[in-house]
């Protein structure tokens, strides 16, 4: 039953166009798919004594993230470590005065 529903959801995701208008529907399908897969894994682990196979959630899409916080707490240092983009940092407050885009 659950495997059939998983296959149906995956088929619907494959035939749904990916754009801004359908993003909410696709996200709801992904959430339902993860819930069903979690249920299948839990049922398998209850039946067997060994660990289950588990499942992977593939990272898709893109996002924009902004760091907001108090002065001198390490926002620019974190951005530099995560993305490799050089960001001006000094021992005084308000060193970073402009937006610095970085890509992960």
PDB file of N, CA and C in Angstrom:
ATOM      1  N   UNK A   1       0.833  -1.195   0.000  1.00  0.00           N
ATOM      2  CA  UNK A   1       0.000   0.000   0.000  1.00  0.00           C
ATOM      3  C   UNK A   1       0.876   1.257   0.000  1.00  0.00           C
ATOM      4  N   UNK A   2       1.802   1.342   0.952  1.00  0.00           N
ATOM      5  CA  UNK A   2       2.644   2.531   1.050  1.00  0.00           C
ATOM      6  C   UNK A   2       3.584   2.642  -0.149  1.00  0.00           C
ATOM      7  N   UNK A   3       4.104   1.510  -0.625  1.00  0.00           N
ATOM      8  CA  UNK A   3       5.007   1.537  -1.771  1.00  0.00           C
ATOM      9  C   UNK A   3       4.280   2.035  -3.023  1.00  0.00           C
ATOM     10  N   UNK A   4       3.020   1.651  -3.172  1.00  0.00           N
ATOM     11  CA  UNK A   4       2.233   2.119  -4.314  1.00  0.00           C
ATOM     12  C   UNK A   4       1.995   3.614  -4.235  1.00  0.00           C
ATOM     13  N   UNK A   5       1.679   4.103  -3.034  1.00  0.00           N
ATOM     14  CA  UNK A   5       1.468   5.539  -2.850  1.00  0.00           C
ATOM     15  C   UNK A   5       2.749   6.314  -3.097  1.00  0.00           C
ATOM     16  N   UNK A   6       3.897   5.752  -2.675  1.00  0.00           N
ATOM     17  CA  UNK A   6       5.188   6.395  -2.928  1.00  0.00           C
ATOM     18  C   UNK A   6       5.433   6.492  -4.427  1.00  0.00           C
ATOM     19  N   UNK A   7       5.171   5.415  -5.144  1.00  0.00           N
ATOM     20  CA  UNK A   7       5.358   5.416  -6.599  1.00  0.00           C
ATOM     21  C   UNK A   7       4.425   6.423  -7.269  1.00  0.00           C
ATOM     22  N   UNK A   8       3.176   6.529  -6.793  1.00  0.00           N
ATOM     23  CA  UNK A   8       2.238   7.494  -7.353  1.00  0.00           C
ATOM     24  C   UNK A   8       2.716   8.930  -7.148  1.00  0.00           C
ATOM     25  N   UNK A   9       3.206   9.227  -5.959  1.00  0.00           N
ATOM     26  CA  UNK A   9       3.688  10.579  -5.664  1.00  0.00           C
ATOM     27  C   UNK A   9       4.919  10.894  -6.506  1.00  0.00           C
ATOM     28  N   UNK A  10       5.841   9.934  -6.619  1.00  0.00           N
ATOM     29  CA  UNK A  10       7.034  10.167  -7.435  1.00  0.00           C
ATOM     30  C   UNK A  10       6.659  10.392  -8.897  1.00  0.00           C
ATOM     31  N   UNK A  11       5.654   9.663  -9.394  1.00  0.00           N
ATOM     32  CA  UNK A  11       5.200   9.855 -10.777  1.00  0.00           C
ATOM     33  C   UNK A  11       4.575  11.236 -10.958  1.00  0.00           C
ATOM     34  N   UNK A  12       3.792  11.665  -9.970  1.00  0.00           N
ATOM     35  CA  UNK A  12       3.185  12.994 -10.061  1.00  0.00           C
ATOM     36  C   UNK A  12       4.235  14.089 -10.010  1.00  0.00           C
ATOM     37  N   UNK A  13       5.265  13.907  -9.182  1.00  0.00           N
ATOM     38  CA  UNK A  13       6.346  14.889  -9.122  1.00  0.00           C
ATOM     39  C   UNK A  13       7.100  14.949 -10.448  1.00  0.00           C
ATOM     40  N   UNK A  14       7.271  13.808 -11.093  1.00  0.00           N
ATOM     41  CA  UNK A  14       8.002  13.765 -12.358  1.00  0.00           C
ATOM     42  C   UNK A  14       7.240  14.472 -13.476  1.00  0.00           C
ATOM     43  N   UNK A  15       5.916  14.412 -13.462  1.00  0.00           N
ATOM     44  CA  UNK A  15       5.157  15.018 -14.552  1.00  0.00           C
ATOM     45  C   UNK A  15       4.731  16.455 -14.252  1.00  0.00           C
ATOM     46  N   UNK A  16       4.956  16.941 -13.030  1.00  0.00           N
ATOM     47  CA  UNK A  16       4.596  18.314 -12.678  1.00  0.00           C
ATOM     48  C   UNK A  16       5.708  19.263 -13.121  1.00  0.00           C
ATOM     49  N   UNK A  17       5.349  20.330 -13.825  1.00  0.00           N
ATOM     50  CA  UNK A  17       6.335  21.329 -14.230  1.00  0.00           C
ATOM     51  C   UNK A  17       6.870  22.034 -13.000  1.00  0.00           C
ATOM     52  N   UNK A  18       8.132  22.396 -13.061  1.00  0.00           N
ATOM     53  CA  UNK A  18       8.760  23.072 -11.931  1.00  0.00           C
ATOM     54  C   UNK A  18       8.836  24.572 -12.227  1.00  0.00           C
ATOM     55  N   UNK A  19       8.017  25.343 -11.548  1.00  0.00           N
ATOM     56  CA  UNK A  19       8.054  26.798 -11.644  1.00  0.00           C
ATOM     57  C   UNK A  19       7.483  27.379 -10.354  1.00  0.00           C
ATOM     58  N   UNK A  20       7.432  28.698 -10.277  1.00  0.00           N
ATOM     59  CA  UNK A  20       6.962  29.340  -9.048  1.00  0.00           C
ATOM     60  C   UNK A  20       5.523  28.966  -8.707  1.00  0.00           C
ATOM     61  N   UNK A  21       4.696  28.795  -9.711  1.00  0.00           N
ATOM     62  CA  UNK A  21       3.288  28.494  -9.462  1.00  0.00           C
ATOM     63  C   UNK A  21       3.079  27.099  -8.886  1.00  0.00           C
ATOM     64  N   UNK A  22       3.948  26.145  -9.224  1.00  0.00           N
ATOM     65  CA  UNK A  22       3.774  24.768  -8.759  1.00  0.00           C
ATOM     66  C   UNK A  22       4.684  24.410  -7.593  1.00  0.00           C
ATOM     67  N   UNK A  23       5.506  25.352  -7.123  1.00  0.00           N
ATOM     68  CA  UNK A  23       6.469  25.046  -6.068  1.00  0.00           C
ATOM     69  C   UNK A  23       5.787  24.603  -4.770  1.00  0.00           C
ATOM     70  N   UNK A  24       4.684  25.232  -4.408  1.00  0.00           N
ATOM     71  CA  UNK A  24       3.975  24.830  -3.193  1.00  0.00           C
ATOM     72  C   UNK A  24       3.448  23.411  -3.283  1.00  0.00           C
ATOM     73  N   UNK A  25       2.914  23.065  -4.449  1.00  0.00           N
ATOM     74  CA  UNK A  25       2.399  21.706  -4.658  1.00  0.00           C
ATOM     75  C   UNK A  25       3.538  20.689  -4.586  1.00  0.00           C
ATOM     76  N   UNK A  26       4.674  21.005  -5.219  1.00  0.00           N
ATOM     77  CA  UNK A  26       5.808  20.083  -5.181  1.00  0.00           C
ATOM     78  C   UNK A  26       6.358  19.914  -3.776  1.00  0.00           C
ATOM     79  N   UNK A  27       6.391  20.990  -3.009  1.00  0.00           N
ATOM     80  CA  UNK A  27       6.870  20.900  -1.626  1.00  0.00           C
ATOM     81  C   UNK A  27       5.927  20.041  -0.776  1.00  0.00           C
ATOM     82  N   UNK A  28       4.637  20.168  -0.999  1.00  0.00           N
ATOM     83  CA  UNK A  28       3.679  19.333  -0.272  1.00  0.00           C
ATOM     84  C   UNK A  28       3.858  17.868  -0.646  1.00  0.00           C
ATOM     85  N   UNK A  29       4.105  17.607  -1.941  1.00  0.00           N
ATOM     86  CA  UNK A  29       4.353  16.229  -2.367  1.00  0.00           C
ATOM     87  C   UNK A  29       5.622  15.672  -1.734  1.00  0.00           C
ATOM     88  N   UNK A  30       6.680  16.484  -1.666  1.00  0.00           N
ATOM     89  CA  UNK A  30       7.930  16.034  -1.050  1.00  0.00           C
ATOM     90  C   UNK A  30       7.734  15.717   0.425  1.00  0.00           C
ATOM     91  N   UNK A  31       6.941  16.539   1.112  1.00  0.00           N
ATOM     92  CA  UNK A  31       6.678  16.290   2.528  1.00  0.00           C
ATOM     93  C   UNK A  31       5.888  14.995   2.712  1.00  0.00           C
ATOM     94  N   UNK A  32       4.885  14.786   1.864  1.00  0.00           N
ATOM     95  CA  UNK A  32       4.098  13.553   1.937  1.00  0.00           C
ATOM     96  C   UNK A  32       4.962  12.333   1.622  1.00  0.00           C
ATOM     97  N   UNK A  33       5.865  12.487   0.625  1.00  0.00           N
ATOM     98  CA  UNK A  33       6.759  11.405   0.245  1.00  0.00           C
ATOM     99  C   UNK A  33       7.712  11.050   1.392  1.00  0.00           C
ATOM    100  N   UNK A  34       8.268  12.057   2.038  1.00  0.00           N
ATOM    101  CA  UNK A  34       9.164  11.802   3.165  1.00  0.00           C
ATOM    102  C   UNK A  34       8.435  11.109   4.302  1.00  0.00           C
ATOM    103  N   UNK A  35       7.187  11.524   4.555  1.00  0.00           N
ATOM    104  CA  UNK A  35       6.400  10.900   5.611  1.00  0.00           C
ATOM    105  C   UNK A  35       6.119   9.430   5.301  1.00  0.00           C
ATOM    106  N   UNK A  36       5.749   9.146   4.055  1.00  0.00           N
ATOM    107  CA  UNK A  36       5.495   7.755   3.668  1.00  0.00           C
ATOM    108  C   UNK A  36       6.755   6.903   3.750  1.00  0.00           C
ATOM    109  N   UNK A  37       7.871   7.449   3.300  1.00  0.00           N
ATOM    110  CA  UNK A  37       9.132   6.696   3.363  1.00  0.00           C
ATOM    111  C   UNK A  37       9.533   6.436   4.811  1.00  0.00           C
ATOM    112  N   UNK A  38       9.310   7.421   5.668  1.00  0.00           N
ATOM    113  CA  UNK A  38       9.613   7.239   7.088  1.00  0.00           C
ATOM    114  C   UNK A  38       8.755   6.116   7.676  1.00  0.00           C
ATOM    115  N   UNK A  39       7.485   6.072   7.291  1.00  0.00           N
ATOM    116  CA  UNK A  39       6.580   5.023   7.755  1.00  0.00           C
ATOM    117  C   UNK A  39       7.050   3.652   7.292  1.00  0.00           C
ATOM    118  N   UNK A  40       7.469   3.555   6.028  1.00  0.00           N
ATOM    119  CA  UNK A  40       7.958   2.288   5.491  1.00  0.00           C
ATOM    120  C   UNK A  40       9.204   1.829   6.250  1.00  0.00           C
ATOM    121  N   UNK A  41      10.121   2.747   6.502  1.00  0.00           N
ATOM    122  CA  UNK A  41      11.350   2.391   7.221  1.00  0.00           C
ATOM    123  C   UNK A  41      11.026   1.933   8.642  1.00  0.00           C
ATOM    124  N   UNK A  42      10.087   2.624   9.312  1.00  0.00           N
ATOM    125  CA  UNK A  42       9.714   2.229  10.673  1.00  0.00           C
ATOM    126  C   UNK A  42       9.072   0.846  10.687  1.00  0.00           C
ATOM    127  N   UNK A  43       8.254   0.554   9.687  1.00  0.00           N
ATOM    128  CA  UNK A  43       7.635  -0.771   9.622  1.00  0.00           C
ATOM    129  C   UNK A  43       8.675  -1.846   9.367  1.00  0.00           C
ATOM    130  N   UNK A  44       9.656  -1.556   8.541  1.00  0.00           N
ATOM    131  CA  UNK A  44      10.711  -2.531   8.256  1.00  0.00           C
ATOM    132  C   UNK A  44      11.573  -2.796   9.483  1.00  0.00           C
ATOM    133  N   UNK A  45      11.862  -1.748  10.248  1.00  0.00           N
ATOM    134  CA  UNK A  45      12.698  -1.944  11.432  1.00  0.00           C
ATOM    135  C   UNK A  45      11.948  -2.683  12.528  1.00  0.00           C
ATOM    136  N   UNK A  46      10.616  -2.543  12.580  1.00  0.00           N
ATOM    137  CA  UNK A  46       9.840  -3.304  13.559  1.00  0.00           C
ATOM    138  C   UNK A  46       9.825  -4.787  13.224  1.00  0.00           C
ATOM    139  N   UNK A  47       9.819  -5.109  11.924  1.00  0.00           N
ATOM    140  CA  UNK A  47       9.781  -6.503  11.492  1.00  0.00           C
ATOM    141  C   UNK A  47      11.122  -7.198  11.669  1.00  0.00           C
ATOM    142  N   UNK A  48      12.197  -6.479  11.434  1.00  0.00           N
ATOM    143  CA  UNK A  48      13.520  -7.103  11.494  1.00  0.00           C
ATOM    144  C   UNK A  48      14.270  -6.632  12.734  1.00  0.00           C
ATOM    145  N   UNK A  49      15.303  -7.366  13.077  1.00  0.00           N
ATOM    146  CA  UNK A  49      16.104  -6.994  14.240  1.00  0.00           C
ATOM    147  C   UNK A  49      17.254  -6.086  13.843  1.00  0.00           C
ATOM    148  N   UNK A  50      17.640  -6.089  12.582  1.00  0.00           N
ATOM    149  CA  UNK A  50      18.751  -5.265  12.113  1.00  0.00           C
ATOM    150  C   UNK A  50      18.291  -3.869  11.737  1.00  0.00           C
ATOM    151  N   UNK A  51      19.252  -3.007  11.405  1.00  0.00           N
ATOM    152  CA  UNK A  51      18.886  -1.646  11.014  1.00  0.00           C
ATOM    153  C   UNK A  51      18.204  -1.629   9.645  1.00  0.00           C
ATOM    154  N   UNK A  52      17.354  -0.646   9.411  1.00  0.00           N
ATOM    155  CA  UNK A  52      16.657  -0.505   8.133  1.00  0.00           C
ATOM    156  C   UNK A  52      17.553   0.121   7.080  1.00  0.00           C
ATOM    157  N   UNK A  53      17.060   0.149   5.857  1.00  0.00           N
ATOM    158  CA  UNK A  53      17.819   0.730   4.762  1.00  0.00           C
ATOM    159  C   UNK A  53      17.896   2.244   4.858  1.00  0.00           C
ATOM    160  N   UNK A  54      16.866   2.871   5.365  1.00  0.00           N
ATOM    161  CA  UNK A  54      16.830   4.323   5.430  1.00  0.00           C
ATOM    162  C   UNK A  54      16.480   4.920   4.084  1.00  0.00           C
ATOM    163  N   UNK A  55      16.583   6.217   3.969  1.00  0.00           N
ATOM    164  CA  UNK A  55      16.316   6.895   2.709  1.00  0.00           C
ATOM    165  C   UNK A  55      17.074   8.212   2.690  1.00  0.00           C
ATOM    166  N   UNK A  56      17.281   8.717   1.505  1.00  0.00           N
ATOM    167  CA  UNK A  56      17.991   9.975   1.316  1.00  0.00           C
ATOM    168  C   UNK A  56      17.013  11.035   0.838  1.00  0.00           C
ATOM    169  N   UNK A  57      17.234  12.253   1.285  1.00  0.00           N
ATOM    170  CA  UNK A  57      16.478  13.394   0.784  1.00  0.00           C
ATOM    171  C   UNK A  57      17.445  14.213  -0.057  1.00  0.00           C
ATOM    172  N   UNK A  58      17.152  14.285  -1.345  1.00  0.00           N
ATOM    173  CA  UNK A  58      18.034  14.973  -2.268  1.00  0.00           C
ATOM    174  C   UNK A  58      17.832  16.477  -2.128  1.00  0.00           C
ATOM    175  N   UNK A  59      18.929  17.222  -2.017  1.00  0.00           N
ATOM    176  CA  UNK A  59      18.849  18.673  -1.928  1.00  0.00           C
ATOM    177  C   UNK A  59      18.580  19.252  -3.306  1.00  0.00           C
ATOM    178  N   UNK A  60      17.548  20.058  -3.412  1.00  0.00           N
ATOM    179  CA  UNK A  60      17.208  20.679  -4.690  1.00  0.00           C
ATOM    180  C   UNK A  60      16.867  22.135  -4.460  1.00  0.00           C
ATOM    181  N   UNK A  61      16.909  22.906  -5.533  1.00  0.00           N
ATOM    182  CA  UNK A  61      16.495  24.298  -5.461  1.00  0.00           C
ATOM    183  C   UNK A  61      17.603  25.214  -4.994  1.00  0.00           C
ATOM    184  N   UNK A  62      17.242  26.440  -4.757  1.00  0.00           N
ATOM    185  CA  UNK A  62      18.194  27.415  -4.259  1.00  0.00           C
ATOM    186  C   UNK A  62      17.489  28.305  -3.242  1.00  0.00           C
ATOM    187  N   UNK A  63      18.278  29.009  -2.484  1.00  0.00           N
ATOM    188  CA  UNK A  63      17.718  29.857  -1.436  1.00  0.00           C
ATOM    189  C   UNK A  63      18.609  31.074  -1.251  1.00  0.00           C
ATOM    190  N   UNK A  64      18.064  32.069  -0.639  1.00  0.00           N
ATOM    191  CA  UNK A  64      18.841  33.255  -0.274  1.00  0.00           C
ATOM    192  C   UNK A  64      18.830  33.358   1.233  1.00  0.00           C
ATOM    193  N   UNK A  65      20.000  33.605   1.786  1.00  0.00           N
ATOM    194  CA  UNK A  65      20.144  33.673   3.232  1.00  0.00           C
ATOM    195  C   UNK A  65      20.792  34.997   3.584  1.00  0.00           C
ATOM    196  N   UNK A  66      20.280  35.649   4.596  1.00  0.00           N
ATOM    197  CA  UNK A  66      20.883  36.877   5.097  1.00  0.00           C
ATOM    198  C   UNK A  66      21.256  36.697   6.554  1.00  0.00           C
ATOM    199  N   UNK A  67      22.437  37.193   6.929  1.00  0.00           N
ATOM    200  CA  UNK A  67      22.872  37.124   8.323  1.00  0.00           C
ATOM    201  C   UNK A  67      22.540  38.448   8.997  1.00  0.00           C
ATOM    202  N   UNK A  68      21.799  38.356  10.089  1.00  0.00           N
ATOM    203  CA  UNK A  68      21.429  39.536  10.861  1.00  0.00           C
ATOM    204  C   UNK A  68      21.830  39.278  12.298  1.00  0.00           C
ATOM    205  N   UNK A  69      22.481  40.248  12.913  1.00  0.00           N
ATOM    206  CA  UNK A  69      22.877  40.069  14.301  1.00  0.00           C
ATOM    207  C   UNK A  69      23.572  41.294  14.849  1.00  0.00           C
ATOM    208  N   UNK A  70      23.980  41.187  16.070  1.00  0.00           N
ATOM    209  CA  UNK A  70      24.670  42.283  16.736  1.00  0.00           C
ATOM    210  C   UNK A  70      26.041  42.516  16.108  1.00  0.00           C
ATOM    211  N   UNK A  71      26.620  43.711  16.308  1.00  0.00           N
ATOM    212  CA  UNK A  71      27.954  43.982  15.765  1.00  0.00           C
ATOM    213  C   UNK A  71      29.010  43.081  16.402  1.00  0.00           C
ATOM    214  N   UNK A  72      29.993  42.733  15.610  1.00  0.00           N
ATOM    215  CA  UNK A  72      31.177  41.994  16.081  1.00  0.00           C
ATOM    216  C   UNK A  72      30.849  40.623  16.673  1.00  0.00           C
ATOM    217  N   UNK A  73      29.931  39.888  16.044  1.00  0.00           N
ATOM    218  CA  UNK A  73      29.626  38.539  16.518  1.00  0.00           C
ATOM    219  C   UNK A  73      30.101  37.464  15.551  1.00  0.00           C
ATOM    220  N   UNK A  74      30.640  37.864  14.377  1.00  0.00           N
ATOM    221  CA  UNK A  74      31.211  36.891  13.466  1.00  0.00           C
ATOM    222  C   UNK A  74      30.409  36.600  12.213  1.00  0.00           C
ATOM    223  N   UNK A  75      29.503  37.498  11.841  1.00  0.00           N
ATOM    224  CA  UNK A  75      28.698  37.262  10.625  1.00  0.00           C
ATOM    225  C   UNK A  75      29.589  37.222   9.384  1.00  0.00           C
ATOM    226  N   UNK A  76      30.484  38.175   9.246  1.00  0.00           N
ATOM    227  CA  UNK A  76      31.364  38.213   8.075  1.00  0.00           C
ATOM    228  C   UNK A  76      32.343  37.046   8.085  1.00  0.00           C
ATOM    229  N   UNK A  77      32.829  36.675   9.251  1.00  0.00           N
ATOM    230  CA  UNK A  77      33.733  35.536   9.362  1.00  0.00           C
ATOM    231  C   UNK A  77      33.023  34.245   8.963  1.00  0.00           C
ATOM    232  N   UNK A  78      31.789  34.079   9.390  1.00  0.00           N
ATOM    233  CA  UNK A  78      31.000  32.910   9.001  1.00  0.00           C
ATOM    234  C   UNK A  78      30.784  32.871   7.497  1.00  0.00           C
ATOM    235  N   UNK A  79      30.449  34.011   6.897  1.00  0.00           N
ATOM    236  CA  UNK A  79      30.262  34.087   5.449  1.00  0.00           C
ATOM    237  C   UNK A  79      31.549  33.709   4.720  1.00  0.00           C
ATOM    238  N   UNK A  80      32.679  34.198   5.199  1.00  0.00           N
ATOM    239  CA  UNK A  80      33.967  33.879   4.580  1.00  0.00           C
ATOM    240  C   UNK A  80      34.267  32.389   4.687  1.00  0.00           C
ATOM    241  N   UNK A  81      33.995  31.801   5.838  1.00  0.00           N
ATOM    242  CA  UNK A  81      34.263  30.365   6.023  1.00  0.00           C
ATOM    243  C   UNK A  81      33.351  29.502   5.162  1.00  0.00           C
ATOM    244  N   UNK A  82      32.085  29.871   5.033  1.00  0.00           N
ATOM    245  CA  UNK A  82      31.129  29.064   4.286  1.00  0.00           C
ATOM    246  C   UNK A  82      31.292  29.176   2.773  1.00  0.00           C
ATOM    247  N   UNK A  83      31.607  30.373   2.283  1.00  0.00           N
ATOM    248  CA  UNK A  83      31.589  30.594   0.843  1.00  0.00           C
ATOM    249  C   UNK A  83      32.946  30.864   0.225  1.00  0.00           C
ATOM    250  N   UNK A  84      33.943  31.215   1.013  1.00  0.00           N
ATOM    251  CA  UNK A  84      35.255  31.543   0.471  1.00  0.00           C
ATOM    252  C   UNK A  84      35.342  32.961  -0.070  1.00  0.00           C
ATOM    253  N   UNK A  85      34.306  33.774   0.117  1.00  0.00           N
ATOM    254  CA  UNK A  85      34.307  35.160  -0.326  1.00  0.00           C
ATOM    255  C   UNK A  85      34.976  36.003   0.749  1.00  0.00           C
ATOM    256  N   UNK A  86      35.884  36.884   0.345  1.00  0.00           N
ATOM    257  CA  UNK A  86      36.558  37.731   1.332  1.00  0.00           C
ATOM    258  C   UNK A  86      35.633  38.856   1.775  1.00  0.00           C
ATOM    259  N   UNK A  87      35.504  38.978   3.059  1.00  0.00           N
ATOM    260  CA  UNK A  87      34.689  40.027   3.642  1.00  0.00           C
ATOM    261  C   UNK A  87      35.554  40.807   4.622  1.00  0.00           C
ATOM    262  N   UNK A  88      35.504  42.109   4.522  1.00  0.00           N
ATOM    263  CA  UNK A  88      36.298  42.971   5.398  1.00  0.00           C
ATOM    264  C   UNK A  88      35.896  42.742   6.858  1.00  0.00           C
ATOM    265  N   UNK A  89      36.860  42.503   7.726  1.00  0.00           N
ATOM    266  CA  UNK A  89      36.598  42.325   9.151  1.00  0.00           C
ATOM    267  C   UNK A  89      37.718  42.982   9.936  1.00  0.00           C
ATOM    268  N   UNK A  90      37.369  43.670  10.998  1.00  0.00           N
ATOM    269  CA  UNK A  90      38.361  44.366  11.833  1.00  0.00           C
ATOM    270  C   UNK A  90      37.913  44.291  13.280  1.00  0.00           C
ATOM    271  N   UNK A  91      38.702  44.890  14.173  1.00  0.00           N
ATOM    272  CA  UNK A  91      38.433  44.824  15.610  1.00  0.00           C
ATOM    273  C   UNK A  91      37.447  45.886  16.098  1.00  0.00           C
ATOM    274  N   UNK A  92      36.867  46.639  15.186  1.00  0.00           N
ATOM    275  CA  UNK A  92      35.911  47.655  15.597  1.00  0.00           C
ATOM    276  C   UNK A  92      34.533  47.346  15.003  1.00  0.00           C
ATOM    277  N   UNK A  93      33.497  47.940  15.577  1.00  0.00           N
ATOM    278  CA  UNK A  93      32.135  47.655  15.153  1.00  0.00           C
ATOM    279  C   UNK A  93      31.826  48.261  13.786  1.00  0.00           C
ATOM    280  N   UNK A  94      30.867  47.679  13.098  1.00  0.00           N
ATOM    281  CA  UNK A  94      30.356  48.159  11.813  1.00  0.00           C
ATOM    282  C   UNK A  94      31.432  48.191  10.726  1.00  0.00           C
ATOM    283  N   UNK A  95      32.263  47.142  10.670  1.00  0.00           N
ATOM    284  CA  UNK A  95      33.276  47.051   9.639  1.00  0.00           C
ATOM    285  C   UNK A  95      32.642  46.797   8.274  1.00  0.00           C
ATOM    286  N   UNK A  96      31.681  45.890   8.200  1.00  0.00           N
ATOM    287  CA  UNK A  96      31.044  45.550   6.939  1.00  0.00           C
ATOM    288  C   UNK A  96      29.905  46.537   6.684  1.00  0.00           C
ATOM    289  N   UNK A  97      30.088  47.375   5.658  1.00  0.00           N
ATOM    290  CA  UNK A  97      29.103  48.413   5.369  1.00  0.00           C
ATOM    291  C   UNK A  97      28.295  48.127   4.113  1.00  0.00           C
ATOM    292  N   UNK A  98      28.683  47.117   3.337  1.00  0.00           N
ATOM    293  CA  UNK A  98      27.952  46.806   2.119  1.00  0.00           C
ATOM    294  C   UNK A  98      27.569  45.327   2.117  1.00  0.00           C
ATOM    295  N   UNK A  99      26.611  44.982   1.265  1.00  0.00           N
ATOM    296  CA  UNK A  99      26.212  43.594   1.115  1.00  0.00           C
ATOM    297  C   UNK A  99      27.278  42.839   0.323  1.00  0.00           C
ATOM    298  N   UNK A 100      27.625  41.668   0.768  1.00  0.00           N
ATOM    299  CA  UNK A 100      28.639  40.852   0.095  1.00  0.00           C
ATOM    300  C   UNK A 100      27.996  39.531  -0.280  1.00  0.00           C
ATOM    301  N   UNK A 101      27.740  39.307  -1.575  1.00  0.00           N
ATOM    302  CA  UNK A 101      27.127  38.045  -1.980  1.00  0.00           C
ATOM    303  C   UNK A 101      28.140  36.916  -1.984  1.00  0.00           C
ATOM    304  N   UNK A 102      27.696  35.749  -1.574  1.00  0.00           N
ATOM    305  CA  UNK A 102      28.532  34.559  -1.598  1.00  0.00           C
ATOM    306  C   UNK A 102      27.721  33.382  -2.103  1.00  0.00           C
ATOM    307  N   UNK A 103      28.374  32.411  -2.713  1.00  0.00           N
ATOM    308  CA  UNK A 103      27.695  31.254  -3.270  1.00  0.00           C
ATOM    309  C   UNK A 103      28.256  30.002  -2.614  1.00  0.00           C
ATOM    310  N   UNK A 104      27.341  29.128  -2.172  1.00  0.00           N
ATOM    311  CA  UNK A 104      27.784  27.872  -1.553  1.00  0.00           C
ATOM    312  C   UNK A 104      27.617  26.755  -2.563  1.00  0.00           C
TER     313      UNK A 104
END
